[in-house]
Amino acid sequence: MTSMAEVLICASEALVDGGEGVRFPVTVFGEAASGFAVRYRGKAYAYLNRCAHVPIELDWVQGQFFESGGEYLMCATHGAVYRPDTGACAGGPCRGGKLRPIGVREADGKVYWQPDERVAPAADKPADN
């Protein structure tokens, strides 16, 4: 099994507990998409930027993934809320759903994401639309 190289997301200080998240480009089954990283209770987490209720991005305002209290990730479109540490639905129309986690590692003041069999680095050139 071949392991793909980690991809830099941002410097560690860019992620503040319950604060703005950092978006990053990914490819999911060959289609362009985005992932995002946030910090919750001191730890970095990353997910595919796609609501479990309806497959749309969570943030209306880029990087705004937490609800106002900073305790849950929220879909700006439908109000579905998710636990930042597990991605599990905590309320709203996502009932029983879960955000798709992306492996993340923090080392030497930087946050990296780890590609897997479904989520890969974005293509070097934009797809023809």
N, C-alpha and C. Protein backbone atom coordinates (compact mmCIF):
# COMPACT_ATOMS: atom_id res chain seq x y z
N MET A 1 0.84 -1.18 0.00
CA MET A 1 0.00 0.00 0.00
C MET A 1 0.88 1.24 0.00
N THR A 2 0.63 2.15 -0.91
CA THR A 2 1.42 3.37 -1.03
C THR A 2 0.77 4.48 -0.23
N SER A 3 1.53 5.14 0.60
CA SER A 3 1.01 6.23 1.41
C SER A 3 1.30 7.55 0.69
N MET A 4 0.28 8.41 0.59
CA MET A 4 0.48 9.71 -0.04
C MET A 4 1.12 10.67 0.96
N ALA A 5 1.88 11.60 0.46
CA ALA A 5 2.56 12.56 1.31
C ALA A 5 1.57 13.53 1.94
N GLU A 6 1.89 13.96 3.14
CA GLU A 6 1.06 14.95 3.83
C GLU A 6 1.09 16.27 3.06
N VAL A 7 0.04 17.06 3.26
CA VAL A 7 -0.06 18.34 2.57
C VAL A 7 -0.23 19.44 3.62
N LEU A 8 0.56 20.49 3.52
CA LEU A 8 0.50 21.60 4.46
C LEU A 8 -0.84 22.33 4.34
N ILE A 9 -1.48 22.59 5.49
CA ILE A 9 -2.71 23.40 5.51
C ILE A 9 -2.36 24.83 5.90
N CYS A 10 -1.69 24.98 7.06
CA CYS A 10 -1.41 26.31 7.57
C CYS A 10 -0.44 26.23 8.75
N ALA A 11 -0.04 27.40 9.22
CA ALA A 11 0.76 27.48 10.44
C ALA A 11 -0.18 27.20 11.61
N SER A 12 0.31 26.58 12.66
CA SER A 12 -0.51 26.24 13.83
C SER A 12 -1.25 27.45 14.40
N GLU A 13 -0.58 28.60 14.45
CA GLU A 13 -1.21 29.77 15.06
C GLU A 13 -2.41 30.31 14.26
N ALA A 14 -2.57 29.85 13.02
CA ALA A 14 -3.73 30.28 12.21
C ALA A 14 -5.03 29.68 12.72
N LEU A 15 -4.94 28.60 13.49
CA LEU A 15 -6.14 27.97 14.04
C LEU A 15 -6.28 28.32 15.52
N VAL A 16 -7.34 29.05 15.83
CA VAL A 16 -7.60 29.48 17.21
C VAL A 16 -8.82 28.72 17.71
N ASP A 17 -8.77 28.25 18.95
CA ASP A 17 -9.89 27.50 19.53
C ASP A 17 -11.23 28.16 19.28
N GLY A 18 -12.14 27.43 18.63
CA GLY A 18 -13.48 27.94 18.38
C GLY A 18 -13.54 29.11 17.42
N GLY A 19 -12.43 29.41 16.77
CA GLY A 19 -12.36 30.56 15.87
C GLY A 19 -12.45 30.16 14.42
N GLU A 20 -11.99 31.05 13.57
CA GLU A 20 -12.04 30.82 12.13
C GLU A 20 -11.31 29.56 11.73
N GLY A 21 -11.84 28.88 10.73
CA GLY A 21 -11.20 27.71 10.19
C GLY A 21 -10.40 28.08 8.95
N VAL A 22 -9.62 27.14 8.47
CA VAL A 22 -8.83 27.36 7.26
C VAL A 22 -9.28 26.34 6.22
N ARG A 23 -9.72 26.84 5.07
CA ARG A 23 -10.14 25.99 3.96
C ARG A 23 -8.92 25.56 3.15
N PHE A 24 -9.00 24.39 2.52
CA PHE A 24 -7.94 23.94 1.63
C PHE A 24 -8.55 23.10 0.51
N PRO A 25 -7.96 23.18 -0.70
CA PRO A 25 -8.52 22.46 -1.84
C PRO A 25 -8.19 20.97 -1.79
N VAL A 26 -9.18 20.15 -2.16
CA VAL A 26 -9.00 18.70 -2.24
C VAL A 26 -9.71 18.19 -3.49
N THR A 27 -9.49 16.92 -3.78
CA THR A 27 -10.20 16.23 -4.84
C THR A 27 -10.87 15.03 -4.20
N VAL A 28 -12.17 14.87 -4.41
CA VAL A 28 -12.91 13.75 -3.86
C VAL A 28 -13.44 12.92 -5.03
N PHE A 29 -12.96 11.69 -5.14
CA PHE A 29 -13.33 10.83 -6.27
C PHE A 29 -13.18 11.57 -7.59
N GLY A 30 -12.08 12.33 -7.73
CA GLY A 30 -11.77 13.02 -8.97
C GLY A 30 -12.45 14.37 -9.16
N GLU A 31 -13.31 14.79 -8.22
CA GLU A 31 -14.00 16.07 -8.34
C GLU A 31 -13.43 17.09 -7.36
N ALA A 32 -13.33 18.35 -7.82
CA ALA A 32 -12.81 19.41 -6.97
C ALA A 32 -13.75 19.67 -5.80
N ALA A 33 -13.20 19.85 -4.63
CA ALA A 33 -13.97 20.13 -3.41
C ALA A 33 -13.06 20.90 -2.47
N SER A 34 -13.52 21.12 -1.25
CA SER A 34 -12.66 21.76 -0.27
C SER A 34 -12.77 21.03 1.06
N GLY A 35 -11.70 21.14 1.82
CA GLY A 35 -11.67 20.62 3.17
C GLY A 35 -11.50 21.83 4.07
N PHE A 36 -11.62 21.61 5.37
CA PHE A 36 -11.35 22.71 6.31
C PHE A 36 -10.77 22.16 7.59
N ALA A 37 -9.97 23.00 8.22
CA ALA A 37 -9.36 22.64 9.50
C ALA A 37 -9.79 23.67 10.53
N VAL A 38 -10.03 23.20 11.75
CA VAL A 38 -10.39 24.06 12.87
C VAL A 38 -9.63 23.59 14.10
N ARG A 39 -9.62 24.42 15.12
CA ARG A 39 -9.04 24.02 16.40
C ARG A 39 -10.18 24.00 17.43
N TYR A 40 -10.21 22.90 18.20
CA TYR A 40 -11.22 22.75 19.24
C TYR A 40 -10.58 22.14 20.46
N ARG A 41 -10.68 22.84 21.59
CA ARG A 41 -10.08 22.39 22.85
C ARG A 41 -8.61 22.02 22.68
N GLY A 42 -7.90 22.87 21.94
CA GLY A 42 -6.46 22.72 21.78
C GLY A 42 -5.98 21.79 20.68
N LYS A 43 -6.90 21.09 20.03
CA LYS A 43 -6.48 20.12 19.02
C LYS A 43 -7.03 20.51 17.65
N ALA A 44 -6.23 20.23 16.60
CA ALA A 44 -6.66 20.51 15.23
C ALA A 44 -7.46 19.33 14.70
N TYR A 45 -8.54 19.66 13.97
CA TYR A 45 -9.39 18.68 13.31
C TYR A 45 -9.62 19.14 11.88
N ALA A 46 -9.83 18.19 10.97
CA ALA A 46 -10.11 18.55 9.58
C ALA A 46 -11.23 17.67 9.04
N TYR A 47 -12.06 18.28 8.18
CA TYR A 47 -13.20 17.59 7.58
C TYR A 47 -13.38 18.03 6.15
N LEU A 48 -14.08 17.20 5.39
CA LEU A 48 -14.50 17.58 4.06
C LEU A 48 -15.56 18.66 4.25
N ASN A 49 -15.48 19.73 3.48
CA ASN A 49 -16.40 20.85 3.64
C ASN A 49 -17.72 20.53 2.91
N ARG A 50 -18.46 19.59 3.49
CA ARG A 50 -19.70 19.13 2.88
C ARG A 50 -20.66 18.70 3.99
N CYS A 51 -21.81 19.34 4.06
CA CYS A 51 -22.83 19.02 5.06
C CYS A 51 -23.32 17.59 4.86
N ALA A 52 -23.59 16.88 5.95
CA ALA A 52 -24.10 15.50 5.87
C ALA A 52 -25.58 15.50 5.47
N HIS A 53 -26.26 16.61 5.65
CA HIS A 53 -27.69 16.71 5.33
C HIS A 53 -27.90 16.86 3.83
N VAL A 54 -27.27 17.87 3.25
CA VAL A 54 -27.29 18.13 1.81
C VAL A 54 -25.85 18.42 1.43
N PRO A 55 -25.32 17.83 0.37
CA PRO A 55 -23.89 18.00 0.06
C PRO A 55 -23.51 19.40 -0.45
N ILE A 56 -23.56 20.38 0.46
CA ILE A 56 -23.13 21.75 0.17
C ILE A 56 -22.09 22.15 1.20
N GLU A 57 -21.31 23.18 0.91
CA GLU A 57 -20.29 23.64 1.85
C GLU A 57 -20.95 24.22 3.10
N LEU A 58 -20.28 24.06 4.23
CA LEU A 58 -20.84 24.52 5.49
C LEU A 58 -20.78 26.04 5.67
N ASP A 59 -19.73 26.67 5.20
CA ASP A 59 -19.50 28.10 5.49
C ASP A 59 -20.05 29.03 4.41
N TRP A 60 -20.94 29.95 4.81
CA TRP A 60 -21.40 31.02 3.92
C TRP A 60 -20.31 32.06 3.81
N VAL A 61 -19.79 32.44 4.97
CA VAL A 61 -18.66 33.38 5.03
C VAL A 61 -17.43 32.50 5.16
N GLN A 62 -16.52 32.62 4.20
CA GLN A 62 -15.36 31.74 4.16
C GLN A 62 -14.63 31.67 5.50
N GLY A 63 -14.44 30.45 5.99
CA GLY A 63 -13.71 30.22 7.23
C GLY A 63 -14.56 30.23 8.48
N GLN A 64 -15.85 30.59 8.37
CA GLN A 64 -16.74 30.64 9.53
C GLN A 64 -17.47 29.30 9.66
N PHE A 65 -16.90 28.39 10.44
CA PHE A 65 -17.48 27.07 10.60
C PHE A 65 -18.16 26.89 11.96
N PHE A 66 -17.69 27.60 12.98
CA PHE A 66 -18.29 27.46 14.31
C PHE A 66 -19.52 28.35 14.44
N GLU A 67 -20.49 27.86 15.24
CA GLU A 67 -21.62 28.71 15.58
C GLU A 67 -21.11 29.76 16.57
N SER A 68 -21.93 30.73 16.91
CA SER A 68 -21.46 31.88 17.69
C SER A 68 -20.84 31.53 19.03
N GLY A 69 -21.23 30.42 19.65
CA GLY A 69 -20.66 30.04 20.94
C GLY A 69 -19.33 29.33 20.83
N GLY A 70 -18.92 28.94 19.62
CA GLY A 70 -17.63 28.28 19.42
C GLY A 70 -17.58 26.84 19.89
N GLU A 71 -18.75 26.23 20.15
CA GLU A 71 -18.78 24.85 20.63
C GLU A 71 -19.14 23.83 19.57
N TYR A 72 -19.82 24.26 18.51
CA TYR A 72 -20.25 23.34 17.45
C TYR A 72 -19.91 23.91 16.08
N LEU A 73 -19.67 23.01 15.12
CA LEU A 73 -19.53 23.40 13.73
C LEU A 73 -20.96 23.48 13.19
N MET A 74 -21.24 24.46 12.34
CA MET A 74 -22.61 24.63 11.88
C MET A 74 -22.69 24.84 10.37
N CYS A 75 -23.67 24.21 9.74
CA CYS A 75 -23.96 24.44 8.33
C CYS A 75 -24.74 25.74 8.25
N ALA A 76 -24.18 26.72 7.58
CA ALA A 76 -24.81 28.04 7.48
C ALA A 76 -26.12 28.00 6.70
N THR A 77 -26.31 27.00 5.86
CA THR A 77 -27.52 26.91 5.04
C THR A 77 -28.72 26.35 5.81
N HIS A 78 -28.53 25.24 6.52
CA HIS A 78 -29.65 24.58 7.17
C HIS A 78 -29.61 24.56 8.68
N GLY A 79 -28.52 25.03 9.29
CA GLY A 79 -28.43 25.06 10.74
C GLY A 79 -28.06 23.73 11.37
N ALA A 80 -27.67 22.75 10.58
CA ALA A 80 -27.21 21.48 11.14
C ALA A 80 -25.94 21.75 11.95
N VAL A 81 -25.84 21.14 13.13
CA VAL A 81 -24.65 21.35 13.96
C VAL A 81 -23.94 20.03 14.21
N TYR A 82 -22.62 20.12 14.27
CA TYR A 82 -21.77 18.94 14.40
C TYR A 82 -20.76 19.13 15.53
N ARG A 83 -20.40 18.04 16.18
CA ARG A 83 -19.37 18.08 17.22
C ARG A 83 -18.01 18.26 16.54
N PRO A 84 -17.24 19.26 16.95
CA PRO A 84 -15.95 19.53 16.29
C PRO A 84 -14.93 18.40 16.44
N ASP A 85 -15.03 17.62 17.53
CA ASP A 85 -14.02 16.57 17.76
C ASP A 85 -14.33 15.24 17.08
N THR A 86 -15.60 15.03 16.68
CA THR A 86 -15.96 13.76 16.04
C THR A 86 -16.63 13.94 14.68
N GLY A 87 -17.20 15.12 14.42
CA GLY A 87 -17.93 15.36 13.20
C GLY A 87 -19.36 14.83 13.25
N ALA A 88 -19.75 14.22 14.38
CA ALA A 88 -21.09 13.66 14.51
C ALA A 88 -22.14 14.76 14.62
N CYS A 89 -23.31 14.52 14.02
CA CYS A 89 -24.41 15.47 14.09
C CYS A 89 -24.83 15.63 15.55
N ALA A 90 -24.99 16.88 15.97
CA ALA A 90 -25.41 17.17 17.34
C ALA A 90 -26.79 17.81 17.36
N GLY A 91 -27.39 18.04 16.19
CA GLY A 91 -28.72 18.63 16.13
C GLY A 91 -29.03 19.18 14.76
N GLY A 92 -30.32 19.30 14.49
CA GLY A 92 -30.74 19.84 13.21
C GLY A 92 -31.02 18.76 12.20
N PRO A 93 -31.14 19.12 10.92
CA PRO A 93 -31.56 18.18 9.88
C PRO A 93 -30.52 17.12 9.50
N CYS A 94 -29.34 17.13 10.10
CA CYS A 94 -28.30 16.14 9.77
C CYS A 94 -28.48 14.86 10.56
N ARG A 95 -29.56 14.73 11.30
CA ARG A 95 -29.83 13.62 12.21
C ARG A 95 -29.18 12.29 11.78
N GLY A 96 -28.30 11.79 12.65
CA GLY A 96 -27.61 10.54 12.37
C GLY A 96 -26.43 10.66 11.42
N GLY A 97 -26.23 11.86 10.84
CA GLY A 97 -25.15 12.06 9.89
C GLY A 97 -23.84 12.40 10.57
N LYS A 98 -22.81 12.48 9.76
CA LYS A 98 -21.47 12.78 10.27
C LYS A 98 -20.66 13.43 9.17
N LEU A 99 -19.85 14.40 9.54
CA LEU A 99 -18.94 15.01 8.58
C LEU A 99 -17.86 13.99 8.23
N ARG A 100 -17.33 14.07 7.02
CA ARG A 100 -16.28 13.15 6.57
C ARG A 100 -14.94 13.66 7.10
N PRO A 101 -14.32 12.92 8.05
CA PRO A 101 -13.05 13.38 8.61
C PRO A 101 -11.91 13.28 7.60
N ILE A 102 -10.95 14.16 7.75
CA ILE A 102 -9.72 14.13 6.97
C ILE A 102 -8.60 14.06 8.01
N GLY A 103 -7.71 13.11 7.84
CA GLY A 103 -6.61 12.95 8.79
C GLY A 103 -5.78 14.22 8.87
N VAL A 104 -5.44 14.61 10.08
CA VAL A 104 -4.68 15.84 10.28
C VAL A 104 -3.59 15.59 11.32
N ARG A 105 -2.47 16.26 11.13
CA ARG A 105 -1.34 16.11 12.06
C ARG A 105 -0.71 17.48 12.25
N GLU A 106 -0.35 17.74 13.49
CA GLU A 106 0.29 19.01 13.81
C GLU A 106 1.70 18.73 14.30
N ALA A 107 2.67 19.38 13.69
CA ALA A 107 4.07 19.18 14.07
C ALA A 107 4.89 20.41 13.70
N ASP A 108 5.82 20.77 14.54
CA ASP A 108 6.75 21.86 14.29
C ASP A 108 6.06 23.17 13.90
N GLY A 109 4.95 23.46 14.57
CA GLY A 109 4.26 24.72 14.33
C GLY A 109 3.46 24.78 13.04
N LYS A 110 3.18 23.60 12.45
CA LYS A 110 2.42 23.56 11.20
C LYS A 110 1.34 22.47 11.29
N VAL A 111 0.27 22.66 10.51
CA VAL A 111 -0.82 21.69 10.46
C VAL A 111 -0.85 21.10 9.05
N TYR A 112 -0.88 19.77 8.98
CA TYR A 112 -0.86 19.04 7.72
C TYR A 112 -2.10 18.16 7.62
N TRP A 113 -2.56 17.93 6.40
CA TRP A 113 -3.63 16.94 6.21
C TRP A 113 -3.06 15.74 5.47
N GLN A 114 -3.71 14.59 5.68
CA GLN A 114 -3.22 13.34 5.13
C GLN A 114 -4.21 12.77 4.10
N PRO A 115 -3.83 12.77 2.82
CA PRO A 115 -4.69 12.20 1.79
C PRO A 115 -4.95 10.71 2.07
N ASP A 116 -6.08 10.23 1.58
CA ASP A 116 -6.41 8.81 1.73
C ASP A 116 -7.03 8.30 0.44
N GLU A 117 -7.69 7.16 0.49
CA GLU A 117 -8.23 6.55 -0.73
C GLU A 117 -9.36 7.35 -1.37
N ARG A 118 -10.00 8.26 -0.64
CA ARG A 118 -11.11 9.05 -1.19
C ARG A 118 -10.78 10.52 -1.39
N VAL A 119 -9.99 11.06 -0.47
CA VAL A 119 -9.67 12.49 -0.51
C VAL A 119 -8.21 12.66 -0.88
N ALA A 120 -7.97 13.34 -2.01
CA ALA A 120 -6.61 13.51 -2.54
C ALA A 120 -6.31 14.99 -2.71
N PRO A 121 -5.05 15.34 -2.89
CA PRO A 121 -4.71 16.73 -3.15
C PRO A 121 -5.41 17.22 -4.42
N ALA A 122 -5.68 18.50 -4.46
CA ALA A 122 -6.33 19.10 -5.62
C ALA A 122 -5.45 18.92 -6.84
N ALA A 123 -6.07 18.81 -8.00
CA ALA A 123 -5.34 18.68 -9.25
C ALA A 123 -4.51 19.93 -9.48
N ASP A 124 -3.39 19.79 -10.18
CA ASP A 124 -2.52 20.93 -10.45
C ASP A 124 -3.17 21.97 -11.34
N LYS A 125 -4.04 21.53 -12.24
CA LYS A 125 -4.70 22.49 -13.12
C LYS A 125 -6.22 22.36 -12.94
N PRO A 126 -6.94 23.45 -13.09
CA PRO A 126 -8.39 23.41 -12.91
C PRO A 126 -9.07 22.51 -13.94
N ALA A 127 -10.14 21.88 -13.51
CA ALA A 127 -10.89 21.00 -14.41
C ALA A 127 -11.66 21.85 -15.41
N ASP A 128 -11.88 21.31 -16.61
CA ASP A 128 -12.67 22.00 -17.63
C ASP A 128 -14.15 21.91 -17.26
N ASN A 129 -14.82 23.05 -17.24
CA ASN A 129 -16.25 23.07 -16.90
C ASN A 129 -17.04 23.58 -18.07
